[in-house]
Amino acid sequence: LTLQVDQLSFRASPYMTFSVNLGSHPSVGDSWPINHMLTIGDLSLHVNSARLVSLENDAPGSNGKPMLGLVLDLEPVDPHQGKLDQVWIRVWGAQEVYDKVTCTWASAWLIDKVPTGVVDIHLDGVQGILFGEWKIQWDQQEP
């Protein structure tokens, strides 16, 4: 039996931490450079920056309250190699709220509770699709 595929889904847990200084008054749209290369198997990802975004009131995990979330801007170095469809990050003391725009389980706070100063952003997981051509073959073995 031979199976030919041109896409494979994957999920990886890089468990990386990035420290960023949010300053004394972080607000929506602020971003902080990270500029880190991450390799998962043959897939190279560029972690560009961390960014503070406004989350929708109906976002999973928000409990209907307006919240701000910290997300990572990361992307494959070669878009022909693969794409990401979900990211998980964690900051101590934050809630997990899903941001549909960035497909990230963001670290989120009520608008008046966003931390200041240095925070550690933990990249716990990425999920995506690899593009390529693979041939998987099985041989039947005699009993």
N, C-alpha and C. Protein backbone atom coordinates (compact mmCIF):
# COMPACT_ATOMS: atom_id res chain seq x y z
N LEU A 1 0.85 -1.18 0.00
CA LEU A 1 0.00 0.00 0.00
C LEU A 1 0.90 1.24 0.00
N THR A 2 0.62 2.17 -0.89
CA THR A 2 1.38 3.42 -0.96
C THR A 2 0.41 4.59 -0.87
N LEU A 3 0.74 5.53 -0.03
CA LEU A 3 -0.07 6.72 0.17
C LEU A 3 0.77 7.94 -0.21
N GLN A 4 0.24 8.78 -1.08
CA GLN A 4 0.94 10.02 -1.43
C GLN A 4 0.17 11.19 -0.85
N VAL A 5 0.89 12.08 -0.16
CA VAL A 5 0.25 13.24 0.46
C VAL A 5 1.04 14.50 0.11
N ASP A 6 0.33 15.64 0.07
CA ASP A 6 1.01 16.90 -0.21
C ASP A 6 0.89 17.89 0.95
N GLN A 7 0.21 17.48 2.03
CA GLN A 7 0.12 18.30 3.24
C GLN A 7 0.06 17.39 4.46
N LEU A 8 0.75 17.81 5.49
CA LEU A 8 0.70 17.10 6.77
C LEU A 8 0.43 18.11 7.87
N SER A 9 -0.49 17.80 8.78
CA SER A 9 -0.70 18.70 9.90
C SER A 9 0.28 18.33 11.02
N PHE A 10 0.64 19.32 11.81
CA PHE A 10 1.57 19.07 12.90
C PHE A 10 1.19 19.91 14.11
N ARG A 11 1.68 19.48 15.24
CA ARG A 11 1.55 20.23 16.49
C ARG A 11 2.86 20.04 17.25
N ALA A 12 3.45 21.14 17.68
CA ALA A 12 4.74 21.08 18.37
C ALA A 12 4.70 21.94 19.62
N SER A 13 5.53 21.58 20.57
CA SER A 13 5.62 22.30 21.84
C SER A 13 7.06 22.80 22.03
N PRO A 14 7.36 23.99 21.51
CA PRO A 14 8.74 24.48 21.60
C PRO A 14 9.17 24.91 22.99
N TYR A 15 8.23 25.25 23.87
CA TYR A 15 8.52 25.69 25.24
C TYR A 15 9.66 26.69 25.29
N MET A 16 9.46 27.81 24.62
CA MET A 16 10.45 28.89 24.62
C MET A 16 9.89 30.06 25.42
N THR A 17 10.78 30.88 25.97
CA THR A 17 10.36 32.05 26.74
C THR A 17 11.04 33.28 26.17
N PHE A 18 10.25 34.34 25.99
CA PHE A 18 10.76 35.63 25.51
C PHE A 18 10.41 36.69 26.55
N SER A 19 11.39 37.44 26.99
CA SER A 19 11.16 38.53 27.94
C SER A 19 11.01 39.84 27.17
N VAL A 20 9.92 40.56 27.46
CA VAL A 20 9.71 41.87 26.83
C VAL A 20 9.36 42.89 27.90
N ASN A 21 9.76 44.12 27.67
CA ASN A 21 9.45 45.21 28.59
C ASN A 21 8.27 45.99 28.01
N LEU A 22 7.11 45.85 28.63
CA LEU A 22 5.90 46.51 28.16
C LEU A 22 5.89 48.01 28.47
N GLY A 23 6.82 48.46 29.26
CA GLY A 23 6.87 49.88 29.62
C GLY A 23 5.86 50.20 30.71
N SER A 24 5.65 51.50 30.91
CA SER A 24 4.78 51.91 32.02
C SER A 24 3.31 52.09 31.62
N HIS A 25 3.01 52.23 30.34
CA HIS A 25 1.63 52.43 29.89
C HIS A 25 1.37 51.69 28.58
N PRO A 26 1.37 50.35 28.58
CA PRO A 26 1.12 49.63 27.33
C PRO A 26 -0.31 49.87 26.84
N SER A 27 -0.47 50.01 25.51
CA SER A 27 -1.80 50.21 24.95
C SER A 27 -1.95 49.43 23.65
N VAL A 28 -3.19 49.28 23.21
CA VAL A 28 -3.50 48.52 22.00
C VAL A 28 -2.66 49.05 20.84
N GLY A 29 -2.06 48.11 20.11
CA GLY A 29 -1.25 48.47 18.96
C GLY A 29 0.24 48.54 19.27
N ASP A 30 0.59 48.66 20.55
CA ASP A 30 2.01 48.66 20.91
C ASP A 30 2.61 47.32 20.54
N SER A 31 3.87 47.34 20.10
CA SER A 31 4.57 46.08 19.82
C SER A 31 6.00 46.18 20.32
N TRP A 32 6.57 45.02 20.59
CA TRP A 32 7.91 44.92 21.15
C TRP A 32 8.69 43.91 20.32
N PRO A 33 9.82 44.32 19.74
CA PRO A 33 10.58 43.42 18.87
C PRO A 33 11.14 42.21 19.62
N ILE A 34 11.10 41.07 18.96
CA ILE A 34 11.71 39.85 19.49
C ILE A 34 12.79 39.36 18.52
N ASN A 35 12.44 39.26 17.23
CA ASN A 35 13.38 38.90 16.17
C ASN A 35 14.18 37.63 16.51
N HIS A 36 13.46 36.52 16.61
CA HIS A 36 14.08 35.24 16.96
C HIS A 36 13.71 34.19 15.92
N MET A 37 14.69 33.39 15.50
CA MET A 37 14.43 32.29 14.58
C MET A 37 14.19 31.02 15.38
N LEU A 38 13.16 30.28 15.00
CA LEU A 38 12.76 29.06 15.68
C LEU A 38 12.66 27.97 14.63
N THR A 39 13.25 26.81 14.89
CA THR A 39 13.17 25.70 13.95
C THR A 39 12.45 24.54 14.60
N ILE A 40 11.44 24.05 13.91
CA ILE A 40 10.67 22.89 14.35
C ILE A 40 10.77 21.87 13.22
N GLY A 41 11.58 20.85 13.41
CA GLY A 41 11.83 19.90 12.33
C GLY A 41 12.50 20.63 11.19
N ASP A 42 11.88 20.59 10.01
CA ASP A 42 12.41 21.29 8.84
C ASP A 42 11.75 22.66 8.64
N LEU A 43 10.85 23.03 9.51
CA LEU A 43 10.12 24.29 9.37
C LEU A 43 10.81 25.39 10.18
N SER A 44 11.19 26.46 9.50
CA SER A 44 11.81 27.61 10.17
C SER A 44 10.75 28.69 10.35
N LEU A 45 10.64 29.18 11.59
CA LEU A 45 9.68 30.24 11.92
C LEU A 45 10.44 31.47 12.39
N HIS A 46 9.93 32.64 12.03
CA HIS A 46 10.50 33.89 12.51
C HIS A 46 9.52 34.50 13.52
N VAL A 47 9.98 34.64 14.76
CA VAL A 47 9.18 35.30 15.79
C VAL A 47 9.54 36.78 15.68
N ASN A 48 8.66 37.56 15.07
CA ASN A 48 8.94 38.97 14.79
C ASN A 48 8.84 39.84 16.04
N SER A 49 7.68 39.76 16.71
CA SER A 49 7.44 40.67 17.82
C SER A 49 6.30 40.17 18.68
N ALA A 50 6.12 40.83 19.82
CA ALA A 50 4.94 40.66 20.67
C ALA A 50 4.10 41.91 20.46
N ARG A 51 2.77 41.75 20.54
CA ARG A 51 1.89 42.89 20.26
C ARG A 51 0.67 42.83 21.16
N LEU A 52 0.19 43.99 21.59
CA LEU A 52 -1.01 44.09 22.41
C LEU A 52 -2.21 44.37 21.51
N VAL A 53 -3.23 43.51 21.61
CA VAL A 53 -4.41 43.62 20.75
C VAL A 53 -5.67 43.70 21.59
N SER A 54 -6.72 44.25 21.00
CA SER A 54 -8.03 44.28 21.62
C SER A 54 -8.74 42.99 21.26
N LEU A 55 -9.32 42.31 22.24
CA LEU A 55 -10.01 41.05 22.01
C LEU A 55 -11.52 41.27 21.98
N GLU A 56 -12.20 40.47 21.17
CA GLU A 56 -13.65 40.59 21.07
C GLU A 56 -14.31 40.13 22.35
N ASN A 57 -15.41 40.79 22.72
CA ASN A 57 -16.14 40.44 23.94
C ASN A 57 -16.66 39.01 23.92
N ASP A 58 -16.91 38.46 22.70
CA ASP A 58 -17.44 37.10 22.63
C ASP A 58 -16.34 36.07 22.39
N ALA A 59 -15.08 36.48 22.51
CA ALA A 59 -13.97 35.55 22.31
C ALA A 59 -14.01 34.45 23.37
N PRO A 60 -13.74 33.19 22.96
CA PRO A 60 -13.71 32.11 23.95
C PRO A 60 -12.75 32.44 25.09
N GLY A 61 -13.25 32.36 26.32
CA GLY A 61 -12.44 32.64 27.50
C GLY A 61 -12.61 34.04 28.06
N SER A 62 -13.28 34.94 27.30
CA SER A 62 -13.39 36.34 27.75
C SER A 62 -14.55 36.58 28.71
N ASN A 63 -15.47 35.65 28.80
CA ASN A 63 -16.65 35.79 29.67
C ASN A 63 -17.43 37.06 29.38
N GLY A 64 -17.42 37.50 28.11
CA GLY A 64 -18.20 38.66 27.71
C GLY A 64 -17.63 40.00 28.14
N LYS A 65 -16.40 40.03 28.63
CA LYS A 65 -15.81 41.28 29.11
C LYS A 65 -14.78 41.79 28.10
N PRO A 66 -14.65 43.11 27.95
CA PRO A 66 -13.62 43.65 27.06
C PRO A 66 -12.24 43.40 27.65
N MET A 67 -11.37 42.82 26.83
CA MET A 67 -10.04 42.47 27.31
C MET A 67 -8.98 42.84 26.29
N LEU A 68 -7.74 42.95 26.77
CA LEU A 68 -6.59 43.15 25.90
C LEU A 68 -5.74 41.90 25.98
N GLY A 69 -5.14 41.53 24.86
CA GLY A 69 -4.34 40.31 24.82
C GLY A 69 -2.97 40.54 24.22
N LEU A 70 -2.03 39.77 24.70
CA LEU A 70 -0.68 39.80 24.18
C LEU A 70 -0.53 38.63 23.22
N VAL A 71 -0.11 38.90 21.99
CA VAL A 71 0.08 37.86 20.98
C VAL A 71 1.50 37.95 20.44
N LEU A 72 1.95 36.86 19.82
CA LEU A 72 3.24 36.86 19.14
C LEU A 72 2.98 36.91 17.64
N ASP A 73 3.72 37.75 16.94
CA ASP A 73 3.68 37.77 15.48
C ASP A 73 4.78 36.82 15.01
N LEU A 74 4.37 35.64 14.54
CA LEU A 74 5.34 34.70 14.03
C LEU A 74 4.83 34.09 12.74
N GLU A 75 5.75 33.73 11.88
CA GLU A 75 5.37 33.23 10.56
C GLU A 75 6.49 32.35 10.01
N PRO A 76 6.13 31.42 9.12
CA PRO A 76 7.16 30.63 8.47
C PRO A 76 8.08 31.53 7.63
N VAL A 77 9.36 31.22 7.65
CA VAL A 77 10.32 31.98 6.84
C VAL A 77 9.98 31.80 5.36
N ASP A 78 9.65 30.57 4.97
CA ASP A 78 9.26 30.26 3.60
C ASP A 78 7.79 29.86 3.60
N PRO A 79 6.89 30.74 3.11
CA PRO A 79 5.45 30.41 3.15
C PRO A 79 5.08 29.20 2.29
N HIS A 80 5.96 28.79 1.37
CA HIS A 80 5.69 27.60 0.57
C HIS A 80 5.96 26.32 1.36
N GLN A 81 6.64 26.46 2.50
CA GLN A 81 7.00 25.32 3.33
C GLN A 81 5.87 24.92 4.29
N GLY A 82 5.05 25.89 4.70
CA GLY A 82 3.98 25.58 5.63
C GLY A 82 3.28 26.83 6.11
N LYS A 83 2.24 26.62 6.94
CA LYS A 83 1.53 27.74 7.54
C LYS A 83 1.10 27.35 8.95
N LEU A 84 0.94 28.35 9.79
CA LEU A 84 0.47 28.12 11.15
C LEU A 84 -1.03 28.37 11.21
N ASP A 85 -1.74 27.56 11.99
CA ASP A 85 -3.17 27.83 12.16
C ASP A 85 -3.58 27.95 13.61
N GLN A 86 -2.62 27.80 14.54
CA GLN A 86 -2.93 28.06 15.95
C GLN A 86 -1.63 28.18 16.75
N VAL A 87 -1.66 29.10 17.72
CA VAL A 87 -0.49 29.35 18.57
C VAL A 87 -0.99 29.44 20.02
N TRP A 88 -0.20 28.91 20.95
CA TRP A 88 -0.53 28.99 22.37
C TRP A 88 0.60 29.72 23.09
N ILE A 89 0.27 30.82 23.78
CA ILE A 89 1.26 31.51 24.61
C ILE A 89 0.70 31.68 26.01
N ARG A 90 1.59 31.96 26.95
CA ARG A 90 1.18 32.07 28.34
C ARG A 90 2.04 33.12 29.04
N VAL A 91 1.40 33.98 29.81
CA VAL A 91 2.07 34.94 30.68
C VAL A 91 1.48 34.74 32.06
N TRP A 92 2.35 34.66 33.07
CA TRP A 92 1.89 34.40 34.43
C TRP A 92 0.86 35.44 34.84
N GLY A 93 -0.25 34.99 35.44
CA GLY A 93 -1.29 35.87 35.94
C GLY A 93 -2.33 36.28 34.91
N ALA A 94 -2.18 35.81 33.68
CA ALA A 94 -3.13 36.19 32.63
C ALA A 94 -4.16 35.08 32.40
N GLN A 95 -5.27 35.45 31.78
CA GLN A 95 -6.26 34.48 31.35
C GLN A 95 -5.92 34.06 29.93
N GLU A 96 -6.36 32.87 29.53
CA GLU A 96 -6.23 32.45 28.14
C GLU A 96 -7.51 32.83 27.41
N VAL A 97 -7.37 33.63 26.36
CA VAL A 97 -8.52 34.03 25.55
C VAL A 97 -8.12 33.86 24.09
N TYR A 98 -9.00 33.30 23.29
CA TYR A 98 -8.69 33.03 21.89
C TYR A 98 -8.90 34.28 21.03
N ASP A 99 -7.87 34.64 20.27
CA ASP A 99 -7.94 35.76 19.34
C ASP A 99 -8.09 35.21 17.93
N LYS A 100 -9.28 35.41 17.32
CA LYS A 100 -9.57 34.88 16.00
C LYS A 100 -8.67 35.46 14.91
N VAL A 101 -8.27 36.71 15.07
CA VAL A 101 -7.48 37.39 14.03
C VAL A 101 -6.10 36.74 13.90
N THR A 102 -5.43 36.48 15.01
CA THR A 102 -4.08 35.91 14.96
C THR A 102 -4.06 34.40 15.20
N CYS A 103 -5.25 33.80 15.45
CA CYS A 103 -5.35 32.37 15.74
C CYS A 103 -4.47 31.98 16.92
N THR A 104 -4.49 32.83 17.95
CA THR A 104 -3.64 32.64 19.12
C THR A 104 -4.48 32.52 20.37
N TRP A 105 -4.11 31.56 21.22
CA TRP A 105 -4.63 31.55 22.59
C TRP A 105 -3.77 32.56 23.32
N ALA A 106 -4.27 33.78 23.39
CA ALA A 106 -3.51 34.92 23.90
C ALA A 106 -3.55 34.98 25.43
N SER A 107 -2.55 35.65 25.97
CA SER A 107 -2.56 35.98 27.40
C SER A 107 -3.33 37.28 27.50
N ALA A 108 -4.40 37.28 28.30
CA ALA A 108 -5.31 38.43 28.29
C ALA A 108 -5.61 38.95 29.69
N TRP A 109 -5.93 40.25 29.71
CA TRP A 109 -6.27 40.93 30.95
C TRP A 109 -7.44 41.86 30.71
N LEU A 110 -8.18 42.17 31.77
CA LEU A 110 -9.16 43.24 31.68
C LEU A 110 -8.40 44.51 31.32
N ILE A 111 -9.06 45.45 30.67
CA ILE A 111 -8.39 46.64 30.14
C ILE A 111 -7.58 47.38 31.20
N ASP A 112 -8.08 47.46 32.43
CA ASP A 112 -7.36 48.22 33.46
C ASP A 112 -6.38 47.36 34.27
N LYS A 113 -6.16 46.10 33.85
CA LYS A 113 -5.28 45.19 34.60
C LYS A 113 -4.05 44.74 33.80
N VAL A 114 -3.80 45.35 32.65
CA VAL A 114 -2.65 44.96 31.82
C VAL A 114 -1.37 45.25 32.61
N PRO A 115 -0.45 44.28 32.67
CA PRO A 115 0.77 44.50 33.45
C PRO A 115 1.68 45.55 32.81
N THR A 116 2.62 46.02 33.58
CA THR A 116 3.62 46.96 33.09
C THR A 116 5.00 46.35 33.37
N GLY A 117 6.01 46.94 32.75
CA GLY A 117 7.37 46.45 32.97
C GLY A 117 7.64 45.15 32.22
N VAL A 118 8.59 44.38 32.71
CA VAL A 118 9.04 43.16 32.04
C VAL A 118 8.10 42.00 32.33
N VAL A 119 7.69 41.30 31.27
CA VAL A 119 6.91 40.07 31.39
C VAL A 119 7.62 38.98 30.58
N ASP A 120 7.44 37.75 31.01
CA ASP A 120 7.95 36.60 30.28
C ASP A 120 6.81 35.97 29.50
N ILE A 121 6.98 35.88 28.19
CA ILE A 121 5.98 35.26 27.32
C ILE A 121 6.48 33.85 27.01
N HIS A 122 5.68 32.86 27.39
CA HIS A 122 6.04 31.47 27.15
C HIS A 122 5.30 30.98 25.90
N LEU A 123 6.06 30.56 24.90
CA LEU A 123 5.49 29.96 23.70
C LEU A 123 5.35 28.47 23.97
N ASP A 124 4.12 28.04 24.25
CA ASP A 124 3.89 26.66 24.65
C ASP A 124 3.57 25.74 23.48
N GLY A 125 2.99 26.26 22.40
CA GLY A 125 2.62 25.38 21.31
C GLY A 125 2.34 26.09 20.01
N VAL A 126 2.57 25.39 18.92
CA VAL A 126 2.20 25.85 17.58
C VAL A 126 1.59 24.66 16.84
N GLN A 127 0.66 24.98 15.98
CA GLN A 127 0.00 23.96 15.17
C GLN A 127 -0.10 24.51 13.76
N GLY A 128 0.08 23.65 12.78
CA GLY A 128 0.00 24.13 11.41
C GLY A 128 -0.02 23.01 10.41
N ILE A 129 0.28 23.40 9.16
CA ILE A 129 0.27 22.47 8.04
C ILE A 129 1.59 22.60 7.31
N LEU A 130 2.23 21.47 7.04
CA LEU A 130 3.45 21.45 6.23
C LEU A 130 3.07 21.13 4.80
N PHE A 131 3.70 21.82 3.85
CA PHE A 131 3.46 21.56 2.44
C PHE A 131 4.65 20.79 1.87
N GLY A 132 4.40 19.87 0.99
CA GLY A 132 5.47 19.11 0.36
C GLY A 132 4.88 17.91 -0.34
N GLU A 133 5.74 17.00 -0.71
CA GLU A 133 5.29 15.75 -1.33
C GLU A 133 5.94 14.60 -0.60
N TRP A 134 5.11 13.75 -0.04
CA TRP A 134 5.59 12.61 0.70
C TRP A 134 4.94 11.35 0.17
N LYS A 135 5.68 10.29 0.20
CA LYS A 135 5.17 8.99 -0.18
C LYS A 135 5.38 8.07 1.02
N ILE A 136 4.30 7.52 1.52
CA ILE A 136 4.36 6.62 2.66
C ILE A 136 3.98 5.23 2.15
N GLN A 137 4.82 4.26 2.44
CA GLN A 137 4.60 2.93 1.88
C GLN A 137 4.60 1.88 2.99
N TRP A 138 3.64 0.97 2.92
CA TRP A 138 3.55 -0.16 3.83
C TRP A 138 3.71 -1.45 3.05
N ASP A 139 4.45 -2.37 3.60
CA ASP A 139 4.58 -3.69 3.01
C ASP A 139 3.88 -4.68 3.92
N GLN A 140 3.09 -5.55 3.32
CA GLN A 140 2.40 -6.56 4.10
C GLN A 140 3.40 -7.63 4.48
N GLN A 141 3.41 -7.96 5.75
CA GLN A 141 4.33 -9.00 6.21
C GLN A 141 3.59 -10.33 6.32
N GLU A 142 4.30 -11.37 6.02
CA GLU A 142 3.73 -12.72 6.13
C GLU A 142 3.55 -13.06 7.61
N PRO A 143 2.44 -13.72 7.96
CA PRO A 143 2.23 -14.11 9.36
C PRO A 143 3.21 -15.18 9.82
